[in-house]
Amino acid sequence: MQQSVVLKASNDGYELIFRQAASFDAIMVDLKTLLDRLQADNTTDKQISFDMGTEGRLLTPEQNQQVTQLVQRYPMFSIHKLSADVILTADALAMVERNTVHLVNQIIRNGQVIDITGDVLFFGKIHEGGVLRATGSIFVMGEVAGALEAGYPDHNDAVIVSALTTVPRVRVGELLELVDADKTVAGTNVVYINDIQALDYQPLDQLKRVRPKLFTRNGGHI
C-alpha cells in the first residue's frame, strides 16, 4: 500500500510530500509514524527542519495547525515551510489583477479618489482636488490637474510617467511631495524613488534605465 507521506532527502535537507490522493486522516497517521521512526533513528542532537509539500491539495488553516502541532511534539523537528502546487481561485484572480495594466478613461472630479489595483494607463481627466491612486505604476496620456499616487501604499518600485506642469502633488510608495517645477524636467517625467530613497524626476527616455524590470515584466523591448 502506498504511503500517504513520502520522505525525500537532498543536499538542502529533508522534504515531506503529502500525497494528494490520500485523506487528511491517513496523512496524519502516516506522518506520526514517520516522525516516530525518525526520532528513534536519530542518534545526534542535530535539529531537522522539513520542507512540506501538499502537491495539488490546499490545507485548511485548521489542517495546517494540526500538522504544526504534531511536529511540535518532537523537539528535534521543525517545519521550514509548508507549500502547495496550487493556490486559491481568489488569490489567483488577485494576482492577475495586480499584474494587469488597466486602461482608465474617466473624469475624476474634485474630492474623488479612484483606487486601482495594478498598473494604470490613464486616458481621462483629473480635476483639481481629484486623486488617481494605484497599487502599481501610473502612465498618463490624459489631462491631470489633481494628484497622482502610484505604488500605494508601500510599493516603492512603482513609477509615475506623466507631464507634471499641471500636477500639484505626486506620491510613489511611501513618499509624497508637492511638485516643484525646479526639480522636474521638460515634457514627460518619470517619477520614481531613487537609490537614496528620495523622489527623483527623469525624462521619459530614462525609464528603462531606472526601472528595467518594468520592461521585463511586461514583455516590452525598447
N, C-alpha and C. Protein backbone atom coordinates (compact mmCIF):
# COMPACT_ATOMS: atom_id res chain seq x y z
N MET A 1 0.84 -1.21 0.00
CA MET A 1 0.00 0.00 0.00
C MET A 1 0.87 1.25 0.00
N GLN A 2 0.55 2.20 -0.86
CA GLN A 2 1.37 3.41 -0.98
C GLN A 2 1.19 4.29 0.24
N GLN A 3 2.30 4.77 0.77
CA GLN A 3 2.25 5.65 1.93
C GLN A 3 1.71 7.02 1.52
N SER A 4 0.97 7.63 2.42
CA SER A 4 0.40 8.95 2.12
C SER A 4 1.41 10.06 2.36
N VAL A 5 2.51 9.77 3.07
CA VAL A 5 3.56 10.74 3.33
C VAL A 5 4.89 10.15 2.87
N VAL A 6 5.59 10.89 2.01
CA VAL A 6 6.86 10.39 1.45
C VAL A 6 7.98 11.32 1.92
N LEU A 7 9.06 10.71 2.41
CA LEU A 7 10.23 11.46 2.85
C LEU A 7 11.29 11.44 1.75
N LYS A 8 11.78 12.63 1.39
CA LYS A 8 12.85 12.75 0.42
C LYS A 8 13.99 13.53 1.03
N ALA A 9 15.22 13.05 0.80
CA ALA A 9 16.41 13.74 1.31
C ALA A 9 17.14 14.38 0.14
N SER A 10 17.72 15.55 0.39
CA SER A 10 18.50 16.25 -0.62
C SER A 10 19.65 16.97 0.06
N ASN A 11 20.46 17.64 -0.75
CA ASN A 11 21.57 18.40 -0.18
C ASN A 11 21.10 19.55 0.70
N ASP A 12 19.85 20.00 0.44
CA ASP A 12 19.31 21.13 1.20
C ASP A 12 18.58 20.71 2.46
N GLY A 13 18.41 19.40 2.65
CA GLY A 13 17.70 18.93 3.85
C GLY A 13 16.69 17.86 3.52
N TYR A 14 15.56 17.92 4.19
CA TYR A 14 14.53 16.90 4.03
C TYR A 14 13.22 17.52 3.56
N GLU A 15 12.53 16.76 2.71
CA GLU A 15 11.22 17.19 2.22
C GLU A 15 10.20 16.10 2.51
N LEU A 16 9.06 16.51 3.03
CA LEU A 16 7.94 15.60 3.26
C LEU A 16 6.85 15.94 2.26
N ILE A 17 6.41 14.94 1.49
CA ILE A 17 5.38 15.17 0.49
C ILE A 17 4.11 14.45 0.91
N PHE A 18 3.02 15.20 1.00
CA PHE A 18 1.71 14.64 1.33
C PHE A 18 1.01 14.28 0.02
N ARG A 19 0.73 13.02 -0.18
CA ARG A 19 0.10 12.58 -1.42
C ARG A 19 -1.29 13.17 -1.57
N GLN A 20 -1.56 13.70 -2.75
CA GLN A 20 -2.82 14.38 -3.00
C GLN A 20 -4.02 13.45 -2.88
N ALA A 21 -3.85 12.21 -3.29
CA ALA A 21 -4.98 11.27 -3.30
C ALA A 21 -5.34 10.76 -1.92
N ALA A 22 -4.46 10.91 -0.94
CA ALA A 22 -4.71 10.37 0.39
C ALA A 22 -5.62 11.29 1.19
N SER A 23 -6.36 10.70 2.12
CA SER A 23 -7.19 11.51 3.01
C SER A 23 -6.30 12.20 4.03
N PHE A 24 -6.80 13.28 4.59
CA PHE A 24 -6.00 14.00 5.58
C PHE A 24 -5.78 13.15 6.83
N ASP A 25 -6.78 12.36 7.20
CA ASP A 25 -6.63 11.48 8.37
C ASP A 25 -5.49 10.48 8.15
N ALA A 26 -5.42 9.92 6.94
CA ALA A 26 -4.35 8.98 6.63
C ALA A 26 -2.99 9.67 6.66
N ILE A 27 -2.94 10.90 6.17
CA ILE A 27 -1.69 11.67 6.20
C ILE A 27 -1.22 11.88 7.63
N MET A 28 -2.13 12.23 8.52
CA MET A 28 -1.75 12.48 9.90
C MET A 28 -1.23 11.20 10.57
N VAL A 29 -1.85 10.07 10.27
CA VAL A 29 -1.40 8.79 10.84
C VAL A 29 0.00 8.45 10.33
N ASP A 30 0.19 8.56 9.01
CA ASP A 30 1.49 8.21 8.43
C ASP A 30 2.57 9.20 8.84
N LEU A 31 2.19 10.46 8.99
CA LEU A 31 3.17 11.46 9.42
C LEU A 31 3.66 11.17 10.82
N LYS A 32 2.76 10.83 11.71
CA LYS A 32 3.18 10.49 13.08
C LYS A 32 4.08 9.26 13.09
N THR A 33 3.71 8.25 12.31
CA THR A 33 4.53 7.04 12.24
C THR A 33 5.93 7.35 11.74
N LEU A 34 6.01 8.19 10.71
CA LEU A 34 7.30 8.56 10.14
C LEU A 34 8.14 9.36 11.13
N LEU A 35 7.52 10.30 11.81
CA LEU A 35 8.26 11.11 12.78
C LEU A 35 8.74 10.28 13.96
N ASP A 36 7.92 9.31 14.39
CA ASP A 36 8.34 8.41 15.46
C ASP A 36 9.58 7.62 15.05
N ARG A 37 9.57 7.14 13.80
CA ARG A 37 10.71 6.35 13.31
C ARG A 37 11.96 7.20 13.19
N LEU A 38 11.79 8.42 12.66
CA LEU A 38 12.94 9.30 12.51
C LEU A 38 13.52 9.69 13.87
N GLN A 39 12.66 9.89 14.83
CA GLN A 39 13.14 10.24 16.17
C GLN A 39 13.91 9.08 16.79
N ALA A 40 13.41 7.86 16.59
CA ALA A 40 14.08 6.68 17.14
C ALA A 40 15.43 6.44 16.46
N ASP A 41 15.50 6.76 15.17
CA ASP A 41 16.74 6.52 14.41
C ASP A 41 17.75 7.65 14.59
N ASN A 42 17.33 8.77 15.12
CA ASN A 42 18.22 9.93 15.24
C ASN A 42 19.18 9.74 16.41
N THR A 43 20.44 9.65 16.11
CA THR A 43 21.45 9.40 17.16
C THR A 43 22.28 10.66 17.46
N THR A 44 21.88 11.80 16.89
CA THR A 44 22.60 13.04 17.12
C THR A 44 21.66 14.07 17.74
N ASP A 45 22.23 15.20 18.10
CA ASP A 45 21.42 16.30 18.63
C ASP A 45 21.10 17.31 17.54
N LYS A 46 21.36 16.95 16.29
CA LYS A 46 21.15 17.88 15.19
C LYS A 46 19.66 18.11 14.93
N GLN A 47 19.29 19.39 14.82
CA GLN A 47 17.91 19.75 14.53
C GLN A 47 17.61 19.45 13.06
N ILE A 48 16.43 18.90 12.80
CA ILE A 48 16.00 18.59 11.44
C ILE A 48 14.81 19.46 11.09
N SER A 49 14.93 20.19 9.98
CA SER A 49 13.86 21.06 9.52
C SER A 49 13.31 20.52 8.20
N PHE A 50 12.00 20.46 8.10
CA PHE A 50 11.35 19.86 6.94
C PHE A 50 10.71 20.91 6.04
N ASP A 51 10.89 20.74 4.72
CA ASP A 51 10.03 21.40 3.75
C ASP A 51 8.88 20.46 3.47
N MET A 52 7.65 20.92 3.62
CA MET A 52 6.48 20.07 3.42
C MET A 52 5.71 20.53 2.21
N GLY A 53 5.42 19.61 1.31
CA GLY A 53 4.66 19.91 0.11
C GLY A 53 3.38 19.10 0.06
N THR A 54 2.28 19.74 -0.35
CA THR A 54 0.98 19.06 -0.36
C THR A 54 0.48 18.79 -1.77
N GLU A 55 1.39 18.90 -2.77
CA GLU A 55 1.05 18.67 -4.17
C GLU A 55 -0.15 19.54 -4.57
N GLY A 56 -1.21 18.93 -5.12
CA GLY A 56 -2.36 19.70 -5.58
C GLY A 56 -3.42 19.90 -4.53
N ARG A 57 -3.07 19.73 -3.28
CA ARG A 57 -4.03 19.88 -2.18
C ARG A 57 -3.72 21.17 -1.43
N LEU A 58 -4.78 21.91 -1.08
CA LEU A 58 -4.64 23.06 -0.21
C LEU A 58 -5.17 22.70 1.18
N LEU A 59 -4.31 22.78 2.17
CA LEU A 59 -4.75 22.50 3.53
C LEU A 59 -5.52 23.71 4.08
N THR A 60 -6.53 23.42 4.87
CA THR A 60 -7.25 24.49 5.54
C THR A 60 -6.39 25.04 6.68
N PRO A 61 -6.71 26.21 7.20
CA PRO A 61 -5.96 26.72 8.36
C PRO A 61 -5.97 25.74 9.53
N GLU A 62 -7.09 25.06 9.74
CA GLU A 62 -7.17 24.09 10.82
C GLU A 62 -6.23 22.90 10.57
N GLN A 63 -6.17 22.44 9.33
CA GLN A 63 -5.28 21.33 9.00
C GLN A 63 -3.82 21.74 9.12
N ASN A 64 -3.50 22.93 8.68
CA ASN A 64 -2.14 23.45 8.87
C ASN A 64 -1.76 23.45 10.35
N GLN A 65 -2.70 23.85 11.18
CA GLN A 65 -2.44 23.90 12.62
C GLN A 65 -2.22 22.51 13.18
N GLN A 66 -3.00 21.55 12.71
CA GLN A 66 -2.84 20.17 13.19
C GLN A 66 -1.46 19.62 12.83
N VAL A 67 -1.02 19.88 11.59
CA VAL A 67 0.30 19.42 11.17
C VAL A 67 1.39 20.07 12.01
N THR A 68 1.26 21.38 12.21
CA THR A 68 2.26 22.11 13.01
C THR A 68 2.31 21.59 14.43
N GLN A 69 1.16 21.39 15.02
CA GLN A 69 1.11 20.91 16.40
C GLN A 69 1.71 19.51 16.54
N LEU A 70 1.49 18.67 15.53
CA LEU A 70 2.06 17.33 15.57
C LEU A 70 3.58 17.39 15.53
N VAL A 71 4.14 18.18 14.62
CA VAL A 71 5.59 18.29 14.51
C VAL A 71 6.19 18.89 15.77
N GLN A 72 5.48 19.80 16.40
CA GLN A 72 5.98 20.45 17.61
C GLN A 72 6.11 19.49 18.79
N ARG A 73 5.50 18.34 18.70
CA ARG A 73 5.64 17.34 19.77
C ARG A 73 7.04 16.73 19.79
N TYR A 74 7.78 16.91 18.71
CA TYR A 74 9.11 16.33 18.59
C TYR A 74 10.15 17.45 18.66
N PRO A 75 10.86 17.58 19.75
CA PRO A 75 11.79 18.71 19.96
C PRO A 75 12.86 18.83 18.89
N MET A 76 13.23 17.72 18.25
CA MET A 76 14.31 17.75 17.28
C MET A 76 13.84 18.15 15.87
N PHE A 77 12.52 18.26 15.68
CA PHE A 77 11.99 18.53 14.35
C PHE A 77 11.31 19.89 14.29
N SER A 78 11.35 20.50 13.11
CA SER A 78 10.64 21.75 12.88
C SER A 78 10.23 21.84 11.41
N ILE A 79 9.33 22.74 11.11
CA ILE A 79 8.86 22.96 9.74
C ILE A 79 9.52 24.21 9.18
N HIS A 80 10.26 24.04 8.09
CA HIS A 80 10.86 25.21 7.42
C HIS A 80 9.82 25.95 6.59
N LYS A 81 9.07 25.21 5.80
CA LYS A 81 7.97 25.81 5.04
C LYS A 81 6.97 24.72 4.66
N LEU A 82 5.73 25.14 4.44
CA LEU A 82 4.67 24.23 4.02
C LEU A 82 4.02 24.85 2.80
N SER A 83 4.12 24.17 1.64
CA SER A 83 3.66 24.79 0.40
C SER A 83 2.84 23.80 -0.42
N ALA A 84 2.08 24.36 -1.38
CA ALA A 84 1.27 23.55 -2.30
C ALA A 84 1.57 23.98 -3.73
N ASP A 85 1.18 23.12 -4.69
CA ASP A 85 1.38 23.43 -6.10
C ASP A 85 0.23 24.26 -6.67
N VAL A 86 -0.77 24.57 -5.85
CA VAL A 86 -1.94 25.31 -6.29
C VAL A 86 -2.21 26.45 -5.32
N ILE A 87 -3.03 27.41 -5.74
CA ILE A 87 -3.44 28.50 -4.86
C ILE A 87 -4.95 28.66 -4.98
N LEU A 88 -5.55 29.39 -4.06
CA LEU A 88 -6.98 29.65 -4.10
C LEU A 88 -7.34 30.47 -5.33
N THR A 89 -8.54 30.24 -5.85
CA THR A 89 -9.01 31.00 -7.01
C THR A 89 -8.98 32.50 -6.73
N ALA A 90 -9.41 32.89 -5.54
CA ALA A 90 -9.41 34.31 -5.18
C ALA A 90 -8.00 34.89 -5.19
N ASP A 91 -7.03 34.10 -4.71
CA ASP A 91 -5.64 34.57 -4.72
C ASP A 91 -5.11 34.67 -6.14
N ALA A 92 -5.50 33.73 -7.00
CA ALA A 92 -5.07 33.76 -8.40
C ALA A 92 -5.64 34.98 -9.11
N LEU A 93 -6.92 35.26 -8.87
CA LEU A 93 -7.55 36.43 -9.50
C LEU A 93 -6.91 37.72 -9.01
N ALA A 94 -6.57 37.77 -7.72
CA ALA A 94 -5.92 38.96 -7.17
C ALA A 94 -4.53 39.14 -7.78
N MET A 95 -3.83 38.04 -8.03
CA MET A 95 -2.50 38.10 -8.65
C MET A 95 -2.60 38.65 -10.08
N VAL A 96 -3.60 38.17 -10.83
CA VAL A 96 -3.81 38.67 -12.19
C VAL A 96 -4.13 40.16 -12.15
N GLU A 97 -4.97 40.55 -11.19
CA GLU A 97 -5.35 41.96 -11.06
C GLU A 97 -4.14 42.84 -10.81
N ARG A 98 -3.25 42.38 -9.91
CA ARG A 98 -2.07 43.17 -9.56
C ARG A 98 -1.13 43.32 -10.74
N ASN A 99 -1.13 42.36 -11.67
CA ASN A 99 -0.17 42.38 -12.78
C ASN A 99 -0.80 42.80 -14.10
N THR A 100 -1.98 43.38 -14.03
CA THR A 100 -2.67 43.83 -15.23
C THR A 100 -2.53 45.34 -15.39
N VAL A 101 -2.33 45.78 -16.62
CA VAL A 101 -2.35 47.21 -16.91
C VAL A 101 -3.79 47.59 -17.25
N HIS A 102 -4.41 48.40 -16.41
CA HIS A 102 -5.81 48.78 -16.58
C HIS A 102 -5.90 50.07 -17.39
N LEU A 103 -6.72 50.06 -18.43
CA LEU A 103 -6.97 51.26 -19.22
C LEU A 103 -8.15 52.00 -18.58
N VAL A 104 -7.90 53.22 -18.12
CA VAL A 104 -8.92 54.00 -17.42
C VAL A 104 -9.18 55.27 -18.21
N ASN A 105 -10.44 55.47 -18.56
CA ASN A 105 -10.84 56.66 -19.30
C ASN A 105 -12.09 57.24 -18.63
N GLN A 106 -11.86 58.04 -17.61
CA GLN A 106 -12.98 58.63 -16.89
C GLN A 106 -12.58 59.99 -16.33
N ILE A 107 -13.57 60.70 -15.87
CA ILE A 107 -13.33 62.00 -15.24
C ILE A 107 -13.32 61.81 -13.73
N ILE A 108 -12.23 62.27 -13.09
CA ILE A 108 -12.12 62.23 -11.63
C ILE A 108 -12.30 63.65 -11.13
N ARG A 109 -13.37 63.88 -10.42
CA ARG A 109 -13.74 65.23 -10.04
C ARG A 109 -13.15 65.61 -8.68
N ASN A 110 -13.27 66.88 -8.33
CA ASN A 110 -12.80 67.40 -7.06
C ASN A 110 -13.37 66.59 -5.90
N GLY A 111 -12.48 66.09 -5.03
CA GLY A 111 -12.90 65.32 -3.87
C GLY A 111 -12.98 63.83 -4.12
N GLN A 112 -12.91 63.40 -5.38
CA GLN A 112 -12.95 61.97 -5.69
C GLN A 112 -11.56 61.34 -5.58
N VAL A 113 -11.53 60.12 -5.06
CA VAL A 113 -10.30 59.32 -5.05
C VAL A 113 -10.61 58.00 -5.74
N ILE A 114 -9.96 57.75 -6.85
CA ILE A 114 -10.16 56.50 -7.60
C ILE A 114 -8.99 55.57 -7.31
N ASP A 115 -9.30 54.40 -6.75
CA ASP A 115 -8.28 53.40 -6.41
C ASP A 115 -8.28 52.28 -7.44
N ILE A 116 -7.10 51.95 -7.94
CA ILE A 116 -6.94 50.88 -8.93
C ILE A 116 -5.91 49.88 -8.41
N THR A 117 -6.22 48.60 -8.54
CA THR A 117 -5.26 47.56 -8.21
C THR A 117 -4.48 47.19 -9.47
N GLY A 118 -3.16 47.35 -9.42
CA GLY A 118 -2.34 47.07 -10.59
C GLY A 118 -1.83 48.36 -11.22
N ASP A 119 -1.31 48.24 -12.45
CA ASP A 119 -0.82 49.40 -13.19
C ASP A 119 -1.97 50.07 -13.93
N VAL A 120 -1.81 51.37 -14.22
CA VAL A 120 -2.87 52.15 -14.86
C VAL A 120 -2.33 52.91 -16.06
N LEU A 121 -3.03 52.79 -17.20
CA LEU A 121 -2.80 53.66 -18.35
C LEU A 121 -4.00 54.59 -18.40
N PHE A 122 -3.78 55.85 -18.06
CA PHE A 122 -4.89 56.78 -17.84
C PHE A 122 -5.11 57.69 -19.04
N PHE A 123 -6.34 57.67 -19.60
CA PHE A 123 -6.70 58.49 -20.75
C PHE A 123 -7.69 59.59 -20.39
N GLY A 124 -8.13 59.64 -19.14
CA GLY A 124 -9.20 60.54 -18.77
C GLY A 124 -8.74 61.92 -18.36
N LYS A 125 -9.51 62.48 -17.40
CA LYS A 125 -9.22 63.82 -16.92
C LYS A 125 -9.39 63.86 -15.41
N ILE A 126 -8.38 64.42 -14.73
CA ILE A 126 -8.45 64.57 -13.27
C ILE A 126 -8.57 66.06 -12.97
N HIS A 127 -9.67 66.43 -12.36
CA HIS A 127 -9.87 67.82 -11.99
C HIS A 127 -9.03 68.15 -10.75
N GLU A 128 -8.83 69.42 -10.50
CA GLU A 128 -8.14 69.87 -9.29
C GLU A 128 -8.89 69.32 -8.07
N GLY A 129 -8.14 68.73 -7.15
CA GLY A 129 -8.75 68.13 -5.97
C GLY A 129 -9.09 66.67 -6.13
N GLY A 130 -8.95 66.12 -7.34
CA GLY A 130 -9.17 64.69 -7.56
C GLY A 130 -7.88 63.92 -7.39
N VAL A 131 -7.99 62.61 -7.12
CA VAL A 131 -6.81 61.78 -6.90
C VAL A 131 -6.95 60.46 -7.66
N LEU A 132 -5.94 60.13 -8.44
CA LEU A 132 -5.84 58.79 -9.03
C LEU A 132 -4.78 58.04 -8.26
N ARG A 133 -5.17 56.91 -7.68
CA ARG A 133 -4.28 56.14 -6.83
C ARG A 133 -4.23 54.69 -7.33
N ALA A 134 -3.03 54.14 -7.44
CA ALA A 134 -2.87 52.78 -7.93
C ALA A 134 -1.86 52.02 -7.08
N THR A 135 -2.04 50.72 -6.98
CA THR A 135 -1.04 49.91 -6.27
C THR A 135 0.21 49.72 -7.11
N GLY A 136 0.07 49.89 -8.43
CA GLY A 136 1.21 49.76 -9.33
C GLY A 136 1.63 51.10 -9.90
N SER A 137 2.13 51.10 -11.12
CA SER A 137 2.60 52.32 -11.77
C SER A 137 1.46 53.03 -12.49
N ILE A 138 1.66 54.32 -12.73
CA ILE A 138 0.65 55.13 -13.43
C ILE A 138 1.30 55.74 -14.67
N PHE A 139 0.66 55.52 -15.83
CA PHE A 139 1.13 56.09 -17.10
C PHE A 139 0.01 57.00 -17.62
N VAL A 140 0.30 58.27 -17.76
CA VAL A 140 -0.74 59.25 -18.07
C VAL A 140 -0.67 59.68 -19.53
N MET A 141 -1.84 59.58 -20.21
CA MET A 141 -1.99 60.13 -21.54
C MET A 141 -3.17 61.09 -21.59
N GLY A 142 -3.74 61.39 -20.42
CA GLY A 142 -4.87 62.30 -20.34
C GLY A 142 -4.48 63.63 -19.72
N GLU A 143 -5.47 64.31 -19.16
CA GLU A 143 -5.26 65.62 -18.55
C GLU A 143 -5.31 65.48 -17.03
N VAL A 144 -4.33 66.03 -16.35
CA VAL A 144 -4.24 65.89 -14.90
C VAL A 144 -4.02 67.24 -14.24
N ALA A 145 -4.99 67.64 -13.41
CA ALA A 145 -4.82 68.82 -12.57
C ALA A 145 -4.92 68.42 -11.10
N GLY A 146 -5.04 67.10 -10.85
CA GLY A 146 -5.11 66.59 -9.49
C GLY A 146 -3.87 65.79 -9.14
N ALA A 147 -3.98 64.97 -8.10
CA ALA A 147 -2.82 64.25 -7.57
C ALA A 147 -2.71 62.86 -8.19
N LEU A 148 -1.47 62.40 -8.31
CA LEU A 148 -1.16 61.06 -8.80
C LEU A 148 -0.42 60.31 -7.71
N GLU A 149 -0.92 59.13 -7.36
CA GLU A 149 -0.30 58.33 -6.30
C GLU A 149 -0.09 56.91 -6.81
N ALA A 150 1.16 56.55 -7.07
CA ALA A 150 1.50 55.21 -7.57
C ALA A 150 2.13 54.39 -6.46
N GLY A 151 2.04 53.06 -6.60
CA GLY A 151 2.66 52.17 -5.61
C GLY A 151 2.03 52.29 -4.24
N TYR A 152 0.76 52.63 -4.17
CA TYR A 152 0.10 52.83 -2.88
C TYR A 152 -0.21 51.49 -2.22
N PRO A 153 0.10 51.28 -0.94
CA PRO A 153 0.67 52.27 -0.02
C PRO A 153 2.20 52.23 0.10
N ASP A 154 2.84 51.12 -0.30
CA ASP A 154 4.27 51.00 0.02
C ASP A 154 5.08 50.25 -1.03
N HIS A 155 4.61 50.26 -2.29
CA HIS A 155 5.34 49.60 -3.38
C HIS A 155 6.30 50.61 -3.99
N ASN A 156 7.51 50.66 -3.47
CA ASN A 156 8.46 51.71 -3.83
C ASN A 156 9.10 51.54 -5.19
N ASP A 157 8.85 50.43 -5.89
CA ASP A 157 9.40 50.25 -7.24
C ASP A 157 8.49 50.82 -8.32
N ALA A 158 7.33 51.31 -7.95
CA ALA A 158 6.40 51.86 -8.93
C ALA A 158 6.93 53.18 -9.50
N VAL A 159 6.34 53.60 -10.61
CA VAL A 159 6.71 54.88 -11.23
C VAL A 159 5.45 55.63 -11.65
N ILE A 160 5.61 56.93 -11.83
CA ILE A 160 4.60 57.76 -12.48
C ILE A 160 5.22 58.30 -13.76
N VAL A 161 4.54 58.11 -14.87
CA VAL A 161 5.01 58.65 -16.15
C VAL A 161 3.97 59.65 -16.62
N SER A 162 4.33 60.93 -16.57
CA SER A 162 3.35 61.97 -16.87
C SER A 162 4.05 63.31 -17.07
N ALA A 163 3.41 64.18 -17.85
CA ALA A 163 3.79 65.59 -17.81
C ALA A 163 3.28 66.16 -16.49
N LEU A 164 4.06 67.01 -15.84
CA LEU A 164 3.73 67.43 -14.49
C LEU A 164 3.43 68.92 -14.37
N THR A 165 3.28 69.60 -15.49
CA THR A 165 3.10 71.06 -15.43
C THR A 165 1.83 71.46 -14.69
N THR A 166 0.80 70.61 -14.69
CA THR A 166 -0.45 70.95 -14.01
C THR A 166 -0.75 70.02 -12.83
N VAL A 167 0.21 69.16 -12.46
CA VAL A 167 0.03 68.21 -11.36
C VAL A 167 0.54 68.84 -10.06
N PRO A 168 -0.31 68.97 -9.05
CA PRO A 168 0.15 69.64 -7.82
C PRO A 168 0.91 68.73 -6.86
N ARG A 169 0.61 67.43 -6.90
CA ARG A 169 1.19 66.54 -5.89
C ARG A 169 1.39 65.15 -6.48
N VAL A 170 2.50 64.52 -6.13
CA VAL A 170 2.75 63.14 -6.56
C VAL A 170 3.15 62.31 -5.34
N ARG A 171 2.87 61.04 -5.46
CA ARG A 171 3.29 60.09 -4.43
C ARG A 171 3.73 58.81 -5.13
N VAL A 172 4.86 58.27 -4.68
CA VAL A 172 5.31 56.95 -5.13
C VAL A 172 5.63 56.15 -3.87
N GLY A 173 4.96 55.02 -3.69
CA GLY A 173 5.18 54.21 -2.49
C GLY A 173 4.86 55.01 -1.25
N GLU A 174 5.82 55.11 -0.38
CA GLU A 174 5.62 55.79 0.90
C GLU A 174 5.99 57.27 0.85
N LEU A 175 6.49 57.75 -0.29
CA LEU A 175 6.97 59.13 -0.38
C LEU A 175 5.99 60.02 -1.14
N LEU A 176 5.66 61.14 -0.54
CA LEU A 176 4.72 62.08 -1.13
C LEU A 176 5.33 63.48 -1.07
N GLU A 177 5.14 64.25 -2.16
CA GLU A 177 5.63 65.63 -2.12
C GLU A 177 4.89 66.50 -3.13
N LEU A 178 4.89 67.79 -2.87
CA LEU A 178 4.35 68.75 -3.82
C LEU A 178 5.31 68.86 -5.00
N VAL A 179 4.76 68.99 -6.18
CA VAL A 179 5.59 69.05 -7.38
C VAL A 179 6.30 70.40 -7.43
N ASP A 180 7.61 70.35 -7.54
CA ASP A 180 8.45 71.54 -7.63
C ASP A 180 8.94 71.67 -9.07
N ALA A 181 8.54 72.74 -9.74
CA ALA A 181 8.91 72.92 -11.14
C ALA A 181 10.42 72.95 -11.34
N ASP A 182 11.15 73.35 -10.34
CA ASP A 182 12.61 73.40 -10.46
C ASP A 182 13.24 72.01 -10.45
N LYS A 183 12.51 71.01 -9.98
CA LYS A 183 13.04 69.65 -9.93
C LYS A 183 12.61 68.82 -11.14
N THR A 184 11.52 69.18 -11.77
CA THR A 184 11.01 68.39 -12.89
C THR A 184 11.77 68.69 -14.17
N VAL A 185 11.54 67.85 -15.17
CA VAL A 185 12.17 68.05 -16.48
C VAL A 185 11.10 68.46 -17.48
N ALA A 186 11.52 69.02 -18.59
CA ALA A 186 10.56 69.42 -19.62
C ALA A 186 9.93 68.19 -20.26
N GLY A 187 8.65 68.30 -20.59
CA GLY A 187 7.97 67.19 -21.25
C GLY A 187 7.51 66.13 -20.25
N THR A 188 7.54 64.88 -20.68
CA THR A 188 7.07 63.77 -19.85
C THR A 188 8.13 63.40 -18.81
N ASN A 189 7.70 63.32 -17.56
CA ASN A 189 8.59 62.95 -16.46
C ASN A 189 8.39 61.51 -16.04
N VAL A 190 9.47 60.89 -15.59
CA VAL A 190 9.41 59.62 -14.89
C VAL A 190 9.69 59.93 -13.42
N VAL A 191 8.69 59.73 -12.58
CA VAL A 191 8.83 59.99 -11.15
C VAL A 191 9.05 58.63 -10.46
N TYR A 192 10.11 58.53 -9.70
CA TYR A 192 10.45 57.25 -9.08
C TYR A 192 11.24 57.50 -7.80
N ILE A 193 11.43 56.45 -7.02
CA ILE A 193 12.25 56.54 -5.81
C ILE A 193 13.65 56.08 -6.16
N ASN A 194 14.63 56.94 -5.96
CA ASN A 194 16.00 56.62 -6.35
C ASN A 194 16.74 55.84 -5.27
N ASP A 195 18.02 55.63 -5.50
CA ASP A 195 18.82 54.79 -4.60
C ASP A 195 19.00 55.38 -3.21
N ILE A 196 18.82 56.68 -3.07
CA ILE A 196 18.95 57.28 -1.73
C ILE A 196 17.57 57.52 -1.11
N GLN A 197 16.57 56.79 -1.65
CA GLN A 197 15.22 56.80 -1.10
C GLN A 197 14.58 58.20 -1.09
N ALA A 198 14.73 58.89 -2.21
CA ALA A 198 14.10 60.18 -2.41
C ALA A 198 13.38 60.18 -3.76
N LEU A 199 12.33 60.98 -3.88
CA LEU A 199 11.64 61.09 -5.17
C LEU A 199 12.56 61.79 -6.16
N ASP A 200 12.64 61.23 -7.36
CA ASP A 200 13.50 61.77 -8.40
C ASP A 200 12.69 61.92 -9.68
N TYR A 201 13.16 62.79 -10.58
CA TYR A 201 12.46 63.09 -11.82
C TYR A 201 13.45 62.95 -12.97
N GLN A 202 13.07 62.12 -13.95
CA GLN A 202 13.93 61.89 -15.12
C GLN A 202 13.09 62.01 -16.39
N PRO A 203 13.71 62.33 -17.53
CA PRO A 203 12.97 62.34 -18.79
C PRO A 203 12.54 60.94 -19.19
N LEU A 204 11.56 60.87 -20.07
CA LEU A 204 10.97 59.58 -20.44
C LEU A 204 11.99 58.59 -20.99
N ASP A 205 12.99 59.06 -21.69
CA ASP A 205 13.96 58.13 -22.29
C ASP A 205 14.84 57.44 -21.25
N GLN A 206 14.70 57.82 -19.98
CA GLN A 206 15.46 57.17 -18.90
C GLN A 206 14.64 56.10 -18.17
N LEU A 207 13.41 55.87 -18.61
CA LEU A 207 12.54 54.92 -17.90
C LEU A 207 13.15 53.52 -17.83
N LYS A 208 13.67 53.03 -18.94
CA LYS A 208 14.24 51.68 -18.93
C LYS A 208 15.47 51.60 -18.04
N ARG A 209 16.21 52.68 -17.95
CA ARG A 209 17.41 52.67 -17.10
C ARG A 209 17.03 52.63 -15.62
N VAL A 210 16.04 53.42 -15.23
CA VAL A 210 15.72 53.50 -13.80
C VAL A 210 14.83 52.34 -13.34
N ARG A 211 14.06 51.75 -14.26
CA ARG A 211 13.20 50.62 -13.89
C ARG A 211 13.23 49.54 -14.98
N PRO A 212 14.38 48.86 -15.16
CA PRO A 212 14.47 47.84 -16.22
C PRO A 212 13.51 46.69 -16.03
N LYS A 213 13.19 46.36 -14.78
CA LYS A 213 12.29 45.23 -14.53
C LYS A 213 10.89 45.49 -15.06
N LEU A 214 10.52 46.74 -15.20
CA LEU A 214 9.21 47.08 -15.73
C LEU A 214 9.05 46.54 -17.14
N PHE A 215 10.11 46.59 -17.94
CA PHE A 215 10.05 46.11 -19.31
C PHE A 215 10.12 44.59 -19.37
N THR A 216 10.87 43.99 -18.47
CA THR A 216 10.94 42.53 -18.41
C THR A 216 9.59 41.94 -18.05
N ARG A 217 8.93 42.56 -17.04
CA ARG A 217 7.66 42.04 -16.58
C ARG A 217 6.58 42.14 -17.64
N ASN A 218 6.57 43.26 -18.39
CA ASN A 218 5.52 43.48 -19.37
C ASN A 218 5.87 43.00 -20.78
N GLY A 219 7.08 42.41 -20.90
CA GLY A 219 7.46 41.84 -22.18
C GLY A 219 7.82 42.87 -23.23
N GLY A 220 8.17 44.07 -22.82
CA GLY A 220 8.45 45.13 -23.78
C GLY A 220 9.89 45.10 -24.25
N HIS A 221 10.13 45.70 -25.37
CA HIS A 221 11.51 45.80 -25.91
C HIS A 221 11.68 47.24 -26.40
N ILE A 222 12.49 48.02 -25.68
CA ILE A 222 12.75 49.40 -26.06
C ILE A 222 14.24 49.65 -26.05
